[in-house]
Amino acid sequence: RTAISYFVISFICLYLTNESYSQNLQLSGGNNFSVA
């Protein structure tokens, strides 16, 4: 589960920033919304 979550967050940030592979990331879910 941790590995999957890490991959998902990393992919999100890589997609968004178009920069080097992202590390040390945080993801948090609220009520029907999410932040990274």
PDB file of all heavy atoms in Angstrom:
ATOM      1  N   ARG A   1       0.821  -1.196   0.000  1.00  0.00           N
ATOM      2  CA  ARG A   1       0.000   0.000   0.000  1.00  0.00           C
ATOM      3  C   ARG A   1       0.863   1.258   0.000  1.00  0.00           C
ATOM      4  O   ARG A   1       0.602   2.216  -0.726  1.00  0.00           O
ATOM      5  CB  ARG A   1      -0.924  -0.010   1.217  1.00  0.00           C
ATOM      6  CG  ARG A   1      -1.848   1.191   1.285  1.00  0.00           C
ATOM      7  CD  ARG A   1      -2.753   1.077   2.496  1.00  0.00           C
ATOM      8  NE  ARG A   1      -3.628   2.223   2.578  1.00  0.00           N
ATOM      9  CZ  ARG A   1      -4.510   2.391   3.536  1.00  0.00           C
ATOM     10  NH1 ARG A   1      -4.633   1.479   4.484  1.00  0.00           N
ATOM     11  NH2 ARG A   1      -5.279   3.457   3.571  1.00  0.00           N
ATOM     12  N   THR A   2       1.935   1.243   0.797  1.00  0.00           N
ATOM     13  CA  THR A   2       2.830   2.401   0.845  1.00  0.00           C
ATOM     14  C   THR A   2       3.505   2.612  -0.494  1.00  0.00           C
ATOM     15  O   THR A   2       3.613   3.733  -0.984  1.00  0.00           O
ATOM     16  CB  THR A   2       3.897   2.204   1.930  1.00  0.00           C
ATOM     17  OG1 THR A   2       3.250   2.055   3.186  1.00  0.00           O
ATOM     18  CG2 THR A   2       4.839   3.394   1.977  1.00  0.00           C
ATOM     19  N   ALA A   3       3.968   1.532  -1.119  1.00  0.00           N
ATOM     20  CA  ALA A   3       4.635   1.635  -2.406  1.00  0.00           C
ATOM     21  C   ALA A   3       3.690   2.188  -3.467  1.00  0.00           C
ATOM     22  O   ALA A   3       4.074   3.032  -4.278  1.00  0.00           O
ATOM     23  CB  ALA A   3       5.175   0.274  -2.821  1.00  0.00           C
ATOM     24  N   ILE A   4       2.446   1.714  -3.472  1.00  0.00           N
ATOM     25  CA  ILE A   4       1.468   2.194  -4.437  1.00  0.00           C
ATOM     26  C   ILE A   4       1.196   3.675  -4.223  1.00  0.00           C
ATOM     27  O   ILE A   4       1.174   4.467  -5.165  1.00  0.00           O
ATOM     28  CB  ILE A   4       0.162   1.384  -4.344  1.00  0.00           C
ATOM     29  CG1 ILE A   4       0.419  -0.062  -4.810  1.00  0.00           C
ATOM     30  CG2 ILE A   4      -0.938   2.027  -5.173  1.00  0.00           C
ATOM     31  CD1 ILE A   4      -0.754  -0.985  -4.605  1.00  0.00           C
ATOM     32  N   SER A   5       0.998   4.093  -2.965  1.00  0.00           N
ATOM     33  CA  SER A   5       0.721   5.494  -2.665  1.00  0.00           C
ATOM     34  C   SER A   5       1.882   6.365  -3.107  1.00  0.00           C
ATOM     35  O   SER A   5       1.697   7.425  -3.696  1.00  0.00           O
ATOM     36  CB  SER A   5       0.470   5.674  -1.159  1.00  0.00           C
ATOM     37  OG  SER A   5      -0.642   4.926  -0.755  1.00  0.00           O
ATOM     38  N   TYR A   6       3.103   5.916  -2.842  1.00  0.00           N
ATOM     39  CA  TYR A   6       4.284   6.686  -3.217  1.00  0.00           C
ATOM     40  C   TYR A   6       4.353   6.853  -4.723  1.00  0.00           C
ATOM     41  O   TYR A   6       4.628   7.941  -5.234  1.00  0.00           O
ATOM     42  CB  TYR A   6       5.536   5.987  -2.701  1.00  0.00           C
ATOM     43  CG  TYR A   6       6.818   6.646  -3.147  1.00  0.00           C
ATOM     44  CD1 TYR A   6       7.305   7.762  -2.462  1.00  0.00           C
ATOM     45  CD2 TYR A   6       7.515   6.170  -4.247  1.00  0.00           C
ATOM     46  CE1 TYR A   6       8.471   8.380  -2.883  1.00  0.00           C
ATOM     47  CE2 TYR A   6       8.674   6.792  -4.670  1.00  0.00           C
ATOM     48  CZ  TYR A   6       9.151   7.883  -3.982  1.00  0.00           C
ATOM     49  OH  TYR A   6      10.297   8.491  -4.404  1.00  0.00           O
ATOM     50  N   PHE A   7       4.064   5.772  -5.453  1.00  0.00           N
ATOM     51  CA  PHE A   7       4.110   5.836  -6.911  1.00  0.00           C
ATOM     52  C   PHE A   7       3.073   6.813  -7.439  1.00  0.00           C
ATOM     53  O   PHE A   7       3.360   7.623  -8.323  1.00  0.00           O
ATOM     54  CB  PHE A   7       3.866   4.454  -7.508  1.00  0.00           C
ATOM     55  CG  PHE A   7       3.750   4.478  -9.009  1.00  0.00           C
ATOM     56  CD1 PHE A   7       4.884   4.550  -9.809  1.00  0.00           C
ATOM     57  CD2 PHE A   7       2.508   4.457  -9.621  1.00  0.00           C
ATOM     58  CE1 PHE A   7       4.777   4.598 -11.188  1.00  0.00           C
ATOM     59  CE2 PHE A   7       2.393   4.498 -11.000  1.00  0.00           C
ATOM     60  CZ  PHE A   7       3.538   4.559 -11.778  1.00  0.00           C
ATOM     61  N   VAL A   8       1.858   6.773  -6.881  1.00  0.00           N
ATOM     62  CA  VAL A   8       0.791   7.648  -7.346  1.00  0.00           C
ATOM     63  C   VAL A   8       1.141   9.108  -7.133  1.00  0.00           C
ATOM     64  O   VAL A   8       1.009   9.947  -8.015  1.00  0.00           O
ATOM     65  CB  VAL A   8      -0.533   7.304  -6.638  1.00  0.00           C
ATOM     66  CG1 VAL A   8      -1.585   8.362  -6.949  1.00  0.00           C
ATOM     67  CG2 VAL A   8      -1.033   5.934  -7.077  1.00  0.00           C
ATOM     68  N   ILE A   9       1.633   9.443  -5.925  1.00  0.00           N
ATOM     69  CA  ILE A   9       1.983  10.829  -5.630  1.00  0.00           C
ATOM     70  C   ILE A   9       3.127  11.284  -6.519  1.00  0.00           C
ATOM     71  O   ILE A   9       3.124  12.397  -7.044  1.00  0.00           O
ATOM     72  CB  ILE A   9       2.364  10.985  -4.145  1.00  0.00           C
ATOM     73  CG1 ILE A   9       1.212  10.505  -3.251  1.00  0.00           C
ATOM     74  CG2 ILE A   9       2.654  12.443  -3.832  1.00  0.00           C
ATOM     75  CD1 ILE A   9       1.598  10.384  -1.802  1.00  0.00           C
ATOM     76  N   SER A  10       4.129  10.436  -6.679  1.00  0.00           N
ATOM     77  CA  SER A  10       5.267  10.797  -7.512  1.00  0.00           C
ATOM     78  C   SER A  10       4.829  11.063  -8.946  1.00  0.00           C
ATOM     79  O   SER A  10       5.286  12.004  -9.586  1.00  0.00           O
ATOM     80  CB  SER A  10       6.321   9.692  -7.474  1.00  0.00           C
ATOM     81  OG  SER A  10       6.816   9.519  -6.175  1.00  0.00           O
ATOM     82  N   PHE A  11       3.916  10.224  -9.453  1.00  0.00           N
ATOM     83  CA  PHE A  11       3.421  10.410 -10.809  1.00  0.00           C
ATOM     84  C   PHE A  11       2.669  11.728 -10.930  1.00  0.00           C
ATOM     85  O   PHE A  11       2.827  12.461 -11.901  1.00  0.00           O
ATOM     86  CB  PHE A  11       2.501   9.253 -11.206  1.00  0.00           C
ATOM     87  CG  PHE A  11       1.933   9.404 -12.591  1.00  0.00           C
ATOM     88  CD1 PHE A  11       2.690   9.075 -13.705  1.00  0.00           C
ATOM     89  CD2 PHE A  11       0.652   9.892 -12.767  1.00  0.00           C
ATOM     90  CE1 PHE A  11       2.172   9.224 -14.976  1.00  0.00           C
ATOM     91  CE2 PHE A  11       0.132  10.052 -14.045  1.00  0.00           C
ATOM     92  CZ  PHE A  11       0.890   9.719 -15.146  1.00  0.00           C
ATOM     93  N   ILE A  12       1.860  12.051  -9.910  1.00  0.00           N
ATOM     94  CA  ILE A  12       1.115  13.307  -9.929  1.00  0.00           C
ATOM     95  C   ILE A  12       2.069  14.484 -10.041  1.00  0.00           C
ATOM     96  O   ILE A  12       1.908  15.365 -10.878  1.00  0.00           O
ATOM     97  CB  ILE A  12       0.252  13.446  -8.660  1.00  0.00           C
ATOM     98  CG1 ILE A  12      -0.912  12.442  -8.707  1.00  0.00           C
ATOM     99  CG2 ILE A  12      -0.291  14.866  -8.516  1.00  0.00           C
ATOM    100  CD1 ILE A  12      -1.686  12.361  -7.422  1.00  0.00           C
ATOM    101  N   CYS A  13       3.091  14.504  -9.183  1.00  0.00           N
ATOM    102  CA  CYS A  13       4.009  15.641  -9.166  1.00  0.00           C
ATOM    103  C   CYS A  13       4.870  15.696 -10.414  1.00  0.00           C
ATOM    104  O   CYS A  13       5.183  16.779 -10.902  1.00  0.00           O
ATOM    105  CB  CYS A  13       4.873  15.595  -7.903  1.00  0.00           C
ATOM    106  SG  CYS A  13       3.910  15.928  -6.411  1.00  0.00           S
ATOM    107  N   LEU A  14       5.244  14.535 -10.934  1.00  0.00           N
ATOM    108  CA  LEU A  14       6.010  14.503 -12.175  1.00  0.00           C
ATOM    109  C   LEU A  14       5.167  15.063 -13.308  1.00  0.00           C
ATOM    110  O   LEU A  14       5.634  15.863 -14.129  1.00  0.00           O
ATOM    111  CB  LEU A  14       6.442  13.071 -12.482  1.00  0.00           C
ATOM    112  CG  LEU A  14       7.253  12.870 -13.772  1.00  0.00           C
ATOM    113  CD1 LEU A  14       8.552  13.647 -13.687  1.00  0.00           C
ATOM    114  CD2 LEU A  14       7.524  11.388 -13.986  1.00  0.00           C
ATOM    115  N   TYR A  15       3.898  14.679 -13.328  1.00  0.00           N
ATOM    116  CA  TYR A  15       2.974  15.162 -14.357  1.00  0.00           C
ATOM    117  C   TYR A  15       2.783  16.670 -14.252  1.00  0.00           C
ATOM    118  O   TYR A  15       2.769  17.385 -15.250  1.00  0.00           O
ATOM    119  CB  TYR A  15       1.632  14.447 -14.203  1.00  0.00           C
ATOM    120  CG  TYR A  15       0.510  15.060 -15.003  1.00  0.00           C
ATOM    121  CD1 TYR A  15       0.406  14.839 -16.384  1.00  0.00           C
ATOM    122  CD2 TYR A  15      -0.451  15.850 -14.382  1.00  0.00           C
ATOM    123  CE1 TYR A  15      -0.628  15.397 -17.104  1.00  0.00           C
ATOM    124  CE2 TYR A  15      -1.481  16.412 -15.102  1.00  0.00           C
ATOM    125  CZ  TYR A  15      -1.569  16.183 -16.464  1.00  0.00           C
ATOM    126  OH  TYR A  15      -2.600  16.742 -17.178  1.00  0.00           O
ATOM    127  N   LEU A  16       2.684  17.177 -13.020  1.00  0.00           N
ATOM    128  CA  LEU A  16       2.398  18.587 -12.808  1.00  0.00           C
ATOM    129  C   LEU A  16       3.608  19.470 -13.055  1.00  0.00           C
ATOM    130  O   LEU A  16       3.517  20.517 -13.676  1.00  0.00           O
ATOM    131  CB  LEU A  16       1.906  18.805 -11.370  1.00  0.00           C
ATOM    132  CG  LEU A  16       0.543  18.210 -11.046  1.00  0.00           C
ATOM    133  CD1 LEU A  16       0.292  18.307  -9.560  1.00  0.00           C
ATOM    134  CD2 LEU A  16      -0.553  18.936 -11.806  1.00  0.00           C
ATOM    135  N   THR A  17       4.750  19.073 -12.542  1.00  0.00           N
ATOM    136  CA  THR A  17       5.916  19.956 -12.576  1.00  0.00           C
ATOM    137  C   THR A  17       6.750  19.800 -13.831  1.00  0.00           C
ATOM    138  O   THR A  17       7.507  20.679 -14.196  1.00  0.00           O
ATOM    139  CB  THR A  17       6.822  19.684 -11.375  1.00  0.00           C
ATOM    140  OG1 THR A  17       7.293  18.335 -11.448  1.00  0.00           O
ATOM    141  CG2 THR A  17       6.068  19.880 -10.071  1.00  0.00           C
ATOM    142  N   ASN A  18       6.642  18.620 -14.504  1.00  0.00           N
ATOM    143  CA  ASN A  18       7.448  18.361 -15.693  1.00  0.00           C
ATOM    144  C   ASN A  18       8.932  18.456 -15.372  1.00  0.00           C
ATOM    145  O   ASN A  18       9.734  18.832 -16.214  1.00  0.00           O
ATOM    146  CB  ASN A  18       7.093  19.353 -16.796  1.00  0.00           C
ATOM    147  CG  ASN A  18       6.778  18.658 -18.108  1.00  0.00           C
ATOM    148  OD1 ASN A  18       6.763  17.437 -18.168  1.00  0.00           O
ATOM    149  ND2 ASN A  18       6.511  19.431 -19.134  1.00  0.00           N
ATOM    150  N   GLU A  19       9.282  18.148 -14.121  1.00  0.00           N
ATOM    151  CA  GLU A  19      10.656  18.241 -13.697  1.00  0.00           C
ATOM    152  C   GLU A  19      11.169  16.852 -13.344  1.00  0.00           C
ATOM    153  O   GLU A  19      10.588  15.851 -13.713  1.00  0.00           O
ATOM    154  CB  GLU A  19      10.762  19.191 -12.500  1.00  0.00           C
ATOM    155  CG  GLU A  19      10.377  20.631 -12.861  1.00  0.00           C
ATOM    156  CD  GLU A  19      10.380  21.543 -11.650  1.00  0.00           C
ATOM    157  OE1 GLU A  19      10.593  21.037 -10.524  1.00  0.00           O
ATOM    158  OE2 GLU A  19      10.171  22.753 -11.816  1.00  0.00           O
ATOM    159  N   SER A  20      12.280  16.791 -12.574  1.00  0.00           N
ATOM    160  CA  SER A  20      12.869  15.514 -12.204  1.00  0.00           C
ATOM    161  C   SER A  20      11.920  14.705 -11.330  1.00  0.00           C
ATOM    162  O   SER A  20      10.981  15.234 -10.753  1.00  0.00           O
ATOM    163  CB  SER A  20      14.179  15.768 -11.455  1.00  0.00           C
ATOM    164  OG  SER A  20      13.940  16.523 -10.292  1.00  0.00           O
ATOM    165  N   TYR A  21      12.208  13.437 -11.229  1.00  0.00           N
ATOM    166  CA  TYR A  21      11.361  12.541 -10.463  1.00  0.00           C
ATOM    167  C   TYR A  21      11.208  13.027  -9.025  1.00  0.00           C
ATOM    168  O   TYR A  21      12.173  13.329  -8.355  1.00  0.00           O
ATOM    169  CB  TYR A  21      11.967  11.131 -10.459  1.00  0.00           C
ATOM    170  CG  TYR A  21      11.030  10.071  -9.979  1.00  0.00           C
ATOM    171  CD1 TYR A  21      10.058   9.544 -10.808  1.00  0.00           C
ATOM    172  CD2 TYR A  21      11.118   9.596  -8.666  1.00  0.00           C
ATOM    173  CE1 TYR A  21       9.210   8.566 -10.362  1.00  0.00           C
ATOM    174  CE2 TYR A  21      10.261   8.625  -8.220  1.00  0.00           C
ATOM    175  CZ  TYR A  21       9.312   8.107  -9.065  1.00  0.00           C
ATOM    176  OH  TYR A  21       8.451   7.131  -8.622  1.00  0.00           O
ATOM    177  N   SER A  22       9.964  13.125  -8.556  1.00  0.00           N
ATOM    178  CA  SER A  22       9.674  13.752  -7.271  1.00  0.00           C
ATOM    179  C   SER A  22       9.824  12.785  -6.115  1.00  0.00           C
ATOM    180  O   SER A  22       9.509  11.611  -6.222  1.00  0.00           O
ATOM    181  CB  SER A  22       8.243  14.303  -7.282  1.00  0.00           C
ATOM    182  OG  SER A  22       8.096  15.265  -8.296  1.00  0.00           O
ATOM    183  N   GLN A  23      10.311  13.296  -4.990  1.00  0.00           N
ATOM    184  CA  GLN A  23      10.461  12.504  -3.780  1.00  0.00           C
ATOM    185  C   GLN A  23      10.007  13.332  -2.587  1.00  0.00           C
ATOM    186  O   GLN A  23       9.741  14.518  -2.695  1.00  0.00           O
ATOM    187  CB  GLN A  23      11.916  12.079  -3.601  1.00  0.00           C
ATOM    188  CG  GLN A  23      12.445  11.228  -4.746  1.00  0.00           C
ATOM    189  CD  GLN A  23      13.858  10.794  -4.506  1.00  0.00           C
ATOM    190  OE1 GLN A  23      14.291  10.664  -3.377  1.00  0.00           O
ATOM    191  NE2 GLN A  23      14.595  10.566  -5.573  1.00  0.00           N
ATOM    192  N   ASN A  24       9.929  12.681  -1.394  1.00  0.00           N
ATOM    193  CA  ASN A  24       9.565  13.369  -0.163  1.00  0.00           C
ATOM    194  C   ASN A  24       8.254  14.132  -0.326  1.00  0.00           C
ATOM    195  O   ASN A  24       8.183  15.338  -0.109  1.00  0.00           O
ATOM    196  CB  ASN A  24      10.679  14.326   0.268  1.00  0.00           C
ATOM    197  CG  ASN A  24      11.978  13.587   0.491  1.00  0.00           C
ATOM    198  OD1 ASN A  24      11.983  12.498   1.039  1.00  0.00           O
ATOM    199  ND2 ASN A  24      13.065  14.177   0.050  1.00  0.00           N
ATOM    200  N   LEU A  25       7.217  13.413  -0.726  1.00  0.00           N
ATOM    201  CA  LEU A  25       5.953  14.037  -1.065  1.00  0.00           C
ATOM    202  C   LEU A  25       4.906  13.809   0.014  1.00  0.00           C
ATOM    203  O   LEU A  25       5.019  12.915   0.844  1.00  0.00           O
ATOM    204  CB  LEU A  25       5.447  13.466  -2.393  1.00  0.00           C
ATOM    205  CG  LEU A  25       6.487  13.502  -3.503  1.00  0.00           C
ATOM    206  CD1 LEU A  25       6.016  12.717  -4.690  1.00  0.00           C
ATOM    207  CD2 LEU A  25       6.789  14.932  -3.889  1.00  0.00           C
ATOM    208  N   GLN A  26       3.853  14.644  -0.017  1.00  0.00           N
ATOM    209  CA  GLN A  26       2.753  14.499   0.915  1.00  0.00           C
ATOM    210  C   GLN A  26       1.443  14.554   0.160  1.00  0.00           C
ATOM    211  O   GLN A  26       1.291  15.326  -0.787  1.00  0.00           O
ATOM    212  CB  GLN A  26       2.776  15.620   1.957  1.00  0.00           C
ATOM    213  CG  GLN A  26       3.987  15.630   2.862  1.00  0.00           C
ATOM    214  CD  GLN A  26       3.942  16.780   3.843  1.00  0.00           C
ATOM    215  OE1 GLN A  26       2.888  17.160   4.327  1.00  0.00           O
ATOM    216  NE2 GLN A  26       5.099  17.348   4.124  1.00  0.00           N
ATOM    217  N   LEU A  27       0.495  13.748   0.603  1.00  0.00           N
ATOM    218  CA  LEU A  27      -0.838  13.722   0.011  1.00  0.00           C
ATOM    219  C   LEU A  27      -1.835  13.651   1.143  1.00  0.00           C
ATOM    220  O   LEU A  27      -1.652  12.898   2.105  1.00  0.00           O
ATOM    221  CB  LEU A  27      -0.986  12.494  -0.897  1.00  0.00           C
ATOM    222  CG  LEU A  27      -2.308  12.326  -1.647  1.00  0.00           C
ATOM    223  CD1 LEU A  27      -2.460  13.417  -2.694  1.00  0.00           C
ATOM    224  CD2 LEU A  27      -2.352  10.952  -2.315  1.00  0.00           C
ATOM    225  N   SER A  28      -2.896  14.456   1.079  1.00  0.00           N
ATOM    226  CA  SER A  28      -3.896  14.473   2.145  1.00  0.00           C
ATOM    227  C   SER A  28      -5.280  14.610   1.543  1.00  0.00           C
ATOM    228  O   SER A  28      -5.480  15.393   0.602  1.00  0.00           O
ATOM    229  CB  SER A  28      -3.620  15.629   3.116  1.00  0.00           C
ATOM    230  OG  SER A  28      -4.566  15.644   4.162  1.00  0.00           O
ATOM    231  N   GLY A  29      -6.228  13.863   2.079  1.00  0.00           N
ATOM    232  CA  GLY A  29      -7.596  13.899   1.586  1.00  0.00           C
ATOM    233  C   GLY A  29      -8.540  14.541   2.575  1.00  0.00           C
ATOM    234  O   GLY A  29      -8.524  14.224   3.765  1.00  0.00           O
ATOM    235  N   GLY A  30      -9.358  15.469   2.107  1.00  0.00           N
ATOM    236  CA  GLY A  30     -10.394  16.091   2.921  1.00  0.00           C
ATOM    237  C   GLY A  30     -11.744  15.470   2.599  1.00  0.00           C
ATOM    238  O   GLY A  30     -11.823  14.305   2.189  1.00  0.00           O
ATOM    239  N   ASN A  31     -12.791  16.249   2.749  1.00  0.00           N
ATOM    240  CA  ASN A  31     -14.149  15.779   2.450  1.00  0.00           C
ATOM    241  C   ASN A  31     -14.452  16.085   0.985  1.00  0.00           C
ATOM    242  O   ASN A  31     -14.827  17.193   0.637  1.00  0.00           O
ATOM    243  CB  ASN A  31     -15.157  16.477   3.374  1.00  0.00           C
ATOM    244  CG  ASN A  31     -16.560  15.936   3.200  1.00  0.00           C
ATOM    245  OD1 ASN A  31     -16.785  14.992   2.450  1.00  0.00           O
ATOM    246  ND2 ASN A  31     -17.520  16.530   3.887  1.00  0.00           N
ATOM    247  N   ASN A  32     -14.241  15.106   0.120  1.00  0.00           N
ATOM    248  CA  ASN A  32     -14.482  15.216  -1.321  1.00  0.00           C
ATOM    249  C   ASN A  32     -13.450  16.087  -2.051  1.00  0.00           C
ATOM    250  O   ASN A  32     -13.728  16.595  -3.134  1.00  0.00           O
ATOM    251  CB  ASN A  32     -15.891  15.749  -1.611  1.00  0.00           C
ATOM    252  CG  ASN A  32     -16.973  14.808  -1.140  1.00  0.00           C
ATOM    253  OD1 ASN A  32     -16.895  13.598  -1.353  1.00  0.00           O
ATOM    254  ND2 ASN A  32     -17.977  15.346  -0.474  1.00  0.00           N
ATOM    255  N   PHE A  33     -12.267  16.252  -1.474  1.00  0.00           N
ATOM    256  CA  PHE A  33     -11.194  16.934  -2.182  1.00  0.00           C
ATOM    257  C   PHE A  33      -9.863  16.428  -1.661  1.00  0.00           C
ATOM    258  O   PHE A  33      -9.783  15.825  -0.586  1.00  0.00           O
ATOM    259  CB  PHE A  33     -11.295  18.455  -2.048  1.00  0.00           C
ATOM    260  CG  PHE A  33     -10.857  18.993  -0.710  1.00  0.00           C
ATOM    261  CD1 PHE A  33      -9.630  19.640  -0.571  1.00  0.00           C
ATOM    262  CD2 PHE A  33     -11.668  18.877   0.408  1.00  0.00           C
ATOM    263  CE1 PHE A  33      -9.220  20.148   0.656  1.00  0.00           C
ATOM    264  CE2 PHE A  33     -11.270  19.392   1.640  1.00  0.00           C
ATOM    265  CZ  PHE A  33     -10.039  20.021   1.763  1.00  0.00           C
ATOM    266  N   SER A  34      -8.800  16.666  -2.435  1.00  0.00           N
ATOM    267  CA  SER A  34      -7.468  16.201  -2.061  1.00  0.00           C
ATOM    268  C   SER A  34      -6.445  17.294  -2.331  1.00  0.00           C
ATOM    269  O   SER A  34      -6.641  18.134  -3.207  1.00  0.00           O
ATOM    270  CB  SER A  34      -7.088  14.951  -2.865  1.00  0.00           C
ATOM    271  OG  SER A  34      -8.005  13.908  -2.653  1.00  0.00           O
ATOM    272  N   VAL A  35      -5.349  17.258  -1.564  1.00  0.00           N
ATOM    273  CA  VAL A  35      -4.239  18.188  -1.790  1.00  0.00           C
ATOM    274  C   VAL A  35      -2.939  17.399  -1.824  1.00  0.00           C
ATOM    275  O   VAL A  35      -2.806  16.372  -1.153  1.00  0.00           O
ATOM    276  CB  VAL A  35      -4.167  19.288  -0.712  1.00  0.00           C
ATOM    277  CG1 VAL A  35      -5.356  20.218  -0.810  1.00  0.00           C
ATOM    278  CG2 VAL A  35      -4.067  18.689   0.678  1.00  0.00           C
ATOM    279  N   ALA A  36      -1.976  17.879  -2.600  1.00  0.00           N
ATOM    280  CA  ALA A  36      -0.675  17.236  -2.702  1.00  0.00           C
ATOM    281  C   ALA A  36       0.410  18.294  -2.621  1.00  0.00           C
ATOM    282  O   ALA A  36       0.263  19.399  -3.153  1.00  0.00           O
ATOM    283  CB  ALA A  36      -0.557  16.476  -4.025  1.00  0.00           C
TER     284      ALA A  36
END
